[in-house]
């Protein structure tokens, strides 16, 4: 089973940026995605990248985040800019084809 490990979370102020990483133990030649779960809320989809590199974003983050991947490093990224308090959540990466999930990384946006 492919292992996924997120990193890069932390505490930032509104308006700042963070770059999350998702390192996979094997090739990530799959449709991949980022999801998040805020306190007291259900997990929600944030962004996806297809095998061919097509990217899609949730309306709540479109224009502020960029999903990307590096096949050579078996790593997927989520660059998040202009962070808002409402972006506070645990962020998870997912191998969509295989339905594998990482354990998440916490992003806290607070002044």
Foldseek 3Di string as FASTA:
>chain_A
DKAWAKDWADEEAAQAKTKMKIAIPDFLLAKKFKWWDAPPGDIGTAKIAGSVGDIDGDPVQPPFWDWDDDRVRNMIMIIGGRDDQVVFTWMWMARVVVGDIYPTDTHGYHD
